[in-house]
Protein backbone atom coordinates (compact mmCIF):
# COMPACT_ATOMS: atom_id res chain seq x y z
CA MET A 1 30.14 -87.85 -6.76
CA THR A 2 33.28 -87.45 -4.67
CA THR A 3 35.33 -90.27 -3.24
CA THR A 4 36.79 -90.48 0.24
CA THR A 5 38.24 -93.30 2.30
CA ARG A 6 35.40 -92.90 4.81
CA PRO A 7 32.41 -91.93 2.66
CA ALA A 8 29.80 -92.55 5.37
CA GLU A 9 31.04 -89.40 7.09
CA ALA A 10 29.66 -87.36 4.17
CA SER A 11 26.11 -88.34 5.18
CA GLY A 12 26.07 -85.86 8.06
CA GLN A 13 25.57 -86.61 11.73
CA PHE A 14 22.66 -87.07 14.12
CA ALA A 15 22.71 -87.42 17.90
CA ILE A 16 20.42 -90.30 18.92
CA GLY A 17 18.82 -89.42 22.23
CA GLY A 18 20.87 -86.24 22.20
CA ASP A 19 24.11 -87.98 23.19
CA LEU A 20 24.93 -90.77 20.71
CA THR A 21 26.29 -89.00 17.63
CA VAL A 22 26.43 -91.19 14.54
CA ASN A 23 27.03 -90.76 10.83
CA ARG A 24 23.55 -90.86 9.34
CA LEU A 25 24.21 -93.60 6.76
CA GLY A 26 24.39 -96.80 8.77
CA TYR A 27 24.30 -100.51 8.12
CA GLY A 28 21.57 -103.09 8.79
CA THR A 29 22.51 -106.70 9.50
CA MET A 30 19.34 -108.56 8.50
CA GLN A 31 20.97 -109.99 5.37
CA LEU A 32 23.89 -111.49 7.29
CA THR A 33 21.90 -114.62 8.08
CA GLY A 34 20.63 -117.63 6.15
CA GLU A 35 17.59 -117.75 3.89
CA GLY A 36 14.42 -116.54 5.57
CA VAL A 37 16.58 -114.66 8.11
CA TRP A 38 17.21 -118.05 9.67
CA GLY A 39 20.46 -119.76 10.58
CA ASP A 40 24.01 -119.00 9.57
CA PRO A 41 25.03 -117.21 6.36
CA ARG A 42 26.37 -119.16 3.41
CA ASP A 43 29.71 -117.39 3.81
CA PRO A 44 30.33 -116.47 7.45
CA GLU A 45 33.78 -115.06 6.69
CA GLU A 46 32.35 -112.68 4.11
CA ALA A 47 29.82 -111.56 6.72
CA VAL A 48 32.70 -110.70 9.04
CA ARG A 49 34.46 -108.85 6.22
CA VAL A 50 31.31 -106.85 5.49
CA LEU A 51 31.03 -105.67 9.10
CA ARG A 52 34.69 -104.73 9.33
CA ARG A 53 34.62 -102.97 5.98
CA ALA A 54 31.53 -100.99 7.00
CA VAL A 55 33.43 -99.55 9.96
CA GLU A 56 36.43 -98.80 7.73
CA LEU A 57 34.13 -96.83 5.44
CA GLY A 58 33.00 -94.63 8.32
CA VAL A 59 29.82 -96.43 9.33
CA ASN A 60 29.41 -96.11 13.10
CA PHE A 61 25.72 -97.01 13.42
CA ILE A 62 24.87 -100.70 13.07
CA ASP A 63 21.32 -101.99 13.40
CA THR A 64 20.57 -105.60 14.32
CA ALA A 65 18.04 -107.72 16.22
CA ASP A 66 17.95 -110.78 18.44
CA SER A 67 15.60 -112.40 15.93
CA TYR A 68 18.03 -112.23 13.00
CA GLY A 69 19.10 -115.83 12.90
CA PRO A 70 18.02 -115.84 15.75
CA PHE A 71 21.10 -114.31 17.42
CA VAL A 72 23.30 -115.03 14.38
CA ALA A 73 23.73 -111.37 13.44
CA GLU A 74 24.55 -110.29 17.00
CA LEU A 75 27.19 -112.99 17.33
CA LEU A 76 28.73 -112.02 13.99
CA ILE A 77 28.95 -108.41 15.16
CA LYS A 78 30.75 -109.54 18.30
CA LYS A 79 33.16 -111.71 16.31
CA ALA A 80 33.92 -109.04 13.74
CA LEU A 81 34.07 -105.85 15.78
CA ARG A 82 34.73 -106.51 19.45
CA PRO A 83 36.49 -104.76 21.14
CA TYR A 84 34.24 -102.02 19.83
CA ALA A 85 35.41 -98.58 18.74
CA ASP A 86 34.40 -95.83 21.15
CA ASP A 87 32.19 -94.13 18.56
CA LEU A 88 30.40 -97.29 17.36
CA VAL A 89 26.69 -97.41 18.22
CA ILE A 90 24.96 -100.78 18.04
CA ALA A 91 21.17 -100.86 18.05
CA THR A 92 19.36 -104.14 18.56
CA LYS A 93 15.75 -105.21 18.95
CA ALA A 94 13.60 -107.58 21.00
CA GLY A 95 9.98 -108.61 20.70
CA PHE A 96 9.81 -111.25 17.98
CA THR A 97 9.95 -115.00 18.44
CA ARG A 98 11.03 -117.25 15.58
CA GLN A 99 9.57 -120.65 14.75
CA GLY A 100 11.40 -121.16 11.46
CA PRO A 101 12.53 -119.42 8.26
CA GLY A 102 10.35 -116.44 7.44
CA ILE A 103 8.16 -116.87 10.53
CA TRP A 104 7.89 -113.96 12.95
CA THR A 105 5.59 -113.91 15.99
CA PRO A 106 5.50 -110.89 18.30
CA VAL A 107 5.79 -111.55 22.04
CA GLY A 108 5.92 -108.56 24.38
CA ARG A 109 5.52 -110.14 27.80
CA PRO A 110 7.86 -108.34 30.21
CA GLU A 111 9.65 -111.52 31.29
CA TYR A 112 10.34 -112.43 27.67
CA LEU A 113 11.67 -108.98 26.79
CA ARG A 114 13.94 -109.06 29.84
CA GLN A 115 15.28 -112.47 28.85
CA GLN A 116 16.03 -111.30 25.32
CA VAL A 117 17.79 -108.16 26.48
CA GLU A 118 19.97 -110.23 28.81
CA LEU A 119 20.81 -112.58 25.93
CA SER A 120 21.61 -109.68 23.59
CA LEU A 121 23.98 -108.24 26.20
CA ARG A 122 25.76 -111.58 26.28
CA HIS A 123 25.76 -112.20 22.52
CA LEU A 124 27.01 -108.71 21.69
CA GLY A 125 29.50 -108.78 24.54
CA VAL A 126 28.47 -105.45 26.04
CA GLU A 127 27.42 -104.26 29.49
CA ARG A 128 24.81 -101.85 28.14
CA ILE A 129 22.86 -101.77 24.89
CA ASP A 130 23.13 -98.40 23.16
CA LEU A 131 19.65 -98.51 21.62
CA LEU A 132 17.09 -101.23 22.37
CA GLN A 133 14.11 -101.15 20.05
CA LEU A 134 10.83 -102.93 20.68
CA HIS A 135 10.68 -104.89 17.43
CA ARG A 136 6.89 -104.99 17.38
CA ILE A 137 4.22 -103.95 19.83
CA ASP A 138 2.48 -107.13 20.99
CA PRO A 139 -1.29 -106.43 20.78
CA ALA A 140 -1.90 -109.01 23.53
CA VAL A 141 0.14 -107.11 26.12
CA PRO A 142 -0.45 -103.54 27.37
CA VAL A 143 2.03 -101.11 25.83
CA ALA A 144 2.82 -99.78 29.31
CA ASP A 145 3.93 -103.26 30.38
CA GLN A 146 6.17 -103.77 27.35
CA VAL A 147 7.81 -100.36 27.31
CA GLY A 148 7.74 -100.17 31.08
CA GLU A 149 9.95 -103.26 31.35
CA LEU A 150 12.45 -101.72 28.94
CA ALA A 151 12.39 -98.53 31.01
CA LEU A 152 13.09 -100.58 34.13
CA MET A 153 16.12 -102.17 32.47
CA GLN A 154 17.18 -98.71 31.37
CA ARG A 155 17.15 -97.57 35.00
CA GLU A 156 19.17 -100.69 35.86
CA GLY A 157 21.87 -99.58 33.41
CA LYS A 158 21.32 -102.36 30.87
CA ILE A 159 19.81 -100.12 28.17
CA ARG A 160 20.93 -96.60 27.25
CA HIS A 161 18.08 -95.55 24.95
CA ILE A 162 14.72 -97.00 23.87
CA GLY A 163 13.17 -97.06 20.41
CA LEU A 164 10.19 -98.58 18.61
CA SER A 165 9.65 -100.36 15.30
CA GLU A 166 6.66 -100.33 12.92
CA VAL A 167 4.52 -97.91 14.88
CA SER A 168 2.16 -94.98 14.39
CA VAL A 169 2.36 -91.52 15.90
CA GLU A 170 -0.28 -92.62 18.40
CA ASP A 171 1.86 -95.63 19.39
CA VAL A 172 4.85 -93.38 20.02
CA GLU A 173 2.80 -91.06 22.16
CA GLU A 174 1.37 -93.94 24.17
CA ALA A 175 4.80 -95.52 24.67
CA GLY A 176 6.15 -92.11 25.60
CA ARG A 177 4.07 -92.20 28.76
CA SER A 178 6.27 -95.08 30.01
CA ALA A 179 9.69 -94.11 28.64
CA THR A 180 11.51 -91.55 26.52
CA ILE A 181 11.38 -92.77 22.92
CA VAL A 182 14.42 -91.64 20.92
CA SER A 183 13.98 -93.57 17.66
CA VAL A 184 11.42 -95.21 15.40
CA GLN A 185 12.05 -97.73 12.65
CA ASN A 186 9.39 -98.10 9.95
CA LEU A 187 9.16 -99.21 6.36
CA TYR A 188 9.96 -96.11 4.30
CA ASN A 189 11.65 -95.49 0.98
CA LEU A 190 11.31 -93.43 -2.17
CA ALA A 191 8.48 -95.60 -3.48
CA HIS A 192 6.68 -96.33 -0.17
CA ARG A 193 5.98 -93.34 2.06
CA ASP A 194 3.02 -94.38 4.18
CA ALA A 195 5.03 -93.46 7.27
CA GLU A 196 5.27 -89.80 6.24
CA PRO A 197 3.21 -88.59 9.26
CA LEU A 198 5.55 -90.46 11.60
CA LEU A 199 8.60 -88.96 9.87
CA GLU A 200 7.19 -85.47 10.28
CA TYR A 201 6.41 -86.17 13.94
CA SER A 202 9.94 -87.51 14.46
CA GLU A 203 11.50 -84.44 12.88
CA ALA A 204 9.39 -82.12 15.01
CA ASN A 205 10.41 -83.97 18.18
CA GLY A 206 14.07 -84.77 17.48
CA ILE A 207 13.42 -88.52 17.17
CA ALA A 208 15.68 -90.59 14.92
CA PHE A 209 13.78 -92.09 11.97
CA ILE A 210 15.36 -95.34 10.75
CA PRO A 211 13.82 -96.45 7.43
CA TRP A 212 14.00 -100.17 6.81
CA PHE A 213 13.91 -101.53 3.26
CA PRO A 214 15.40 -98.20 2.11
CA LEU A 215 16.41 -99.32 -1.39
CA ALA A 216 13.00 -100.08 -2.91
CA THR A 217 12.66 -97.89 -5.98
CA GLY A 218 9.78 -99.40 -7.94
CA LYS A 219 9.12 -97.97 -11.40
CA LEU A 220 11.21 -94.88 -10.62
CA ALA A 221 14.35 -96.80 -11.65
CA ALA A 222 12.88 -97.90 -14.99
CA GLU A 223 14.54 -96.62 -18.16
CA GLY A 224 13.43 -93.04 -18.72
CA GLY A 225 12.22 -92.65 -15.13
CA PRO A 226 13.41 -89.81 -12.88
CA LEU A 227 15.67 -92.05 -10.78
CA ALA A 228 17.40 -93.59 -13.78
CA ALA A 229 17.89 -90.17 -15.37
CA ALA A 230 19.37 -88.64 -12.22
CA ALA A 231 21.62 -91.69 -11.73
CA LYS A 232 23.08 -91.24 -15.20
CA GLU A 233 23.65 -87.54 -14.54
CA HIS A 234 25.63 -88.34 -11.37
CA GLY A 235 27.43 -91.41 -12.68
CA ALA A 236 25.75 -93.27 -9.84
CA THR A 237 23.38 -96.20 -9.46
CA PRO A 238 19.62 -95.89 -8.87
CA SER A 239 20.12 -97.39 -5.40
CA GLN A 240 22.67 -94.73 -4.53
CA LEU A 241 20.26 -92.03 -5.65
CA ALA A 242 17.46 -93.59 -3.56
CA LEU A 243 19.70 -93.43 -0.49
CA ALA A 244 20.81 -89.89 -1.32
CA TRP A 245 17.14 -88.89 -1.52
CA LEU A 246 16.48 -90.35 1.94
CA LEU A 247 19.43 -88.49 3.43
CA ARG A 248 18.22 -85.26 1.84
CA ARG A 249 14.60 -85.83 2.88
CA SER A 250 15.12 -85.16 6.59
CA PRO A 251 17.97 -84.45 9.02
CA VAL A 252 16.60 -87.13 11.39
CA MET A 253 16.74 -89.84 8.70
CA LEU A 254 19.17 -92.71 9.40
CA PRO A 255 19.07 -95.18 6.46
CA ILE A 256 20.50 -98.63 7.20
CA PRO A 257 20.91 -100.43 3.85
CA GLY A 258 21.93 -104.04 4.33
CA THR A 259 23.91 -106.47 2.21
CA SER A 260 25.91 -109.67 2.52
CA THR A 261 28.81 -108.70 0.22
CA VAL A 262 31.62 -106.18 0.53
CA ALA A 263 31.17 -104.98 -3.06
CA HIS A 264 27.52 -104.11 -2.55
CA LEU A 265 28.33 -102.50 0.80
CA GLU A 266 30.89 -100.21 -0.81
CA ASP A 267 28.37 -99.25 -3.49
CA ASN A 268 25.72 -98.42 -0.88
CA VAL A 269 27.99 -96.38 1.38
CA ALA A 270 29.21 -94.33 -1.58
CA ALA A 271 25.67 -92.93 -1.75
CA ALA A 272 26.59 -90.65 1.16
CA THR A 273 28.76 -88.61 -1.21
CA VAL A 274 25.98 -88.00 -3.75
CA GLN A 275 24.60 -84.46 -3.56
CA LEU A 276 21.19 -83.98 -5.18
CA THR A 277 20.24 -80.61 -6.60
CA ASP A 278 16.95 -79.05 -5.51
CA ALA A 279 15.47 -79.86 -8.91
CA GLU A 280 16.59 -83.49 -8.73
CA PHE A 281 15.25 -83.92 -5.23
CA ASP A 282 11.90 -82.39 -6.19
CA ALA A 283 11.64 -84.53 -9.33
CA LEU A 284 12.26 -87.71 -7.36
CA THR A 285 9.83 -86.64 -4.64
CA ARG A 286 7.09 -86.03 -7.21
CA GLY A 287 7.92 -89.21 -9.10
CA VAL A 288 5.63 -91.40 -6.98
């Protein structure tokens, strides 16, 4: 494992929507809030340090959502990083309402989505959102109405690109009739690969695949397991190997591991410098 001052650059690059080039190992802000993704963090200053350190380490893709807090994560990003670097891409989401810690209720009515986008513009302090992701498809509202409203705001110059979260291939194709979909964000990691068909579809169509909960390793990290063995060989941690596997799995993969401490952030970003051999990659792939 090599060491650089900006290790995230070793993860390779991907152009979201064909024109937003980012280093593939990003950072997710969900853990920068209070318990249950509700309210302020215990240590707001550490949260600011984490965001600033991420950028120092070469991270230029940050994923957040209006519902994280709500709005806490977006406001922390603004406090820590504005004025923003020219190459920094901030992706946010809309489509969940919050009634308390750990409670998430999808709402996709066009007027609600428009309100949330306007609030995210204000809370992030930007004139246009780089990537706005529909956090969940609301089953009570036609997909064309939900995505169509985002497409309208895109034409108005308030959104640059549109993505989806927790969807199927069929969902992407349906949404694609109302707007160009440039990214998807689904649960995916070494131990949970139910979204494999969506990943393959994304790769075939040049769509960014953003795996959330990327560090779950399950029994693979147990003593004697393939992840633990490979970690020892590299002088790395099992989590670093899990991220290295994701980066190797597909060129459209954009992992966004989150944390609330600088030390853990530095450990995660160092995963970008881990190079798996073909045998190691195959062993980990077969390990589940």
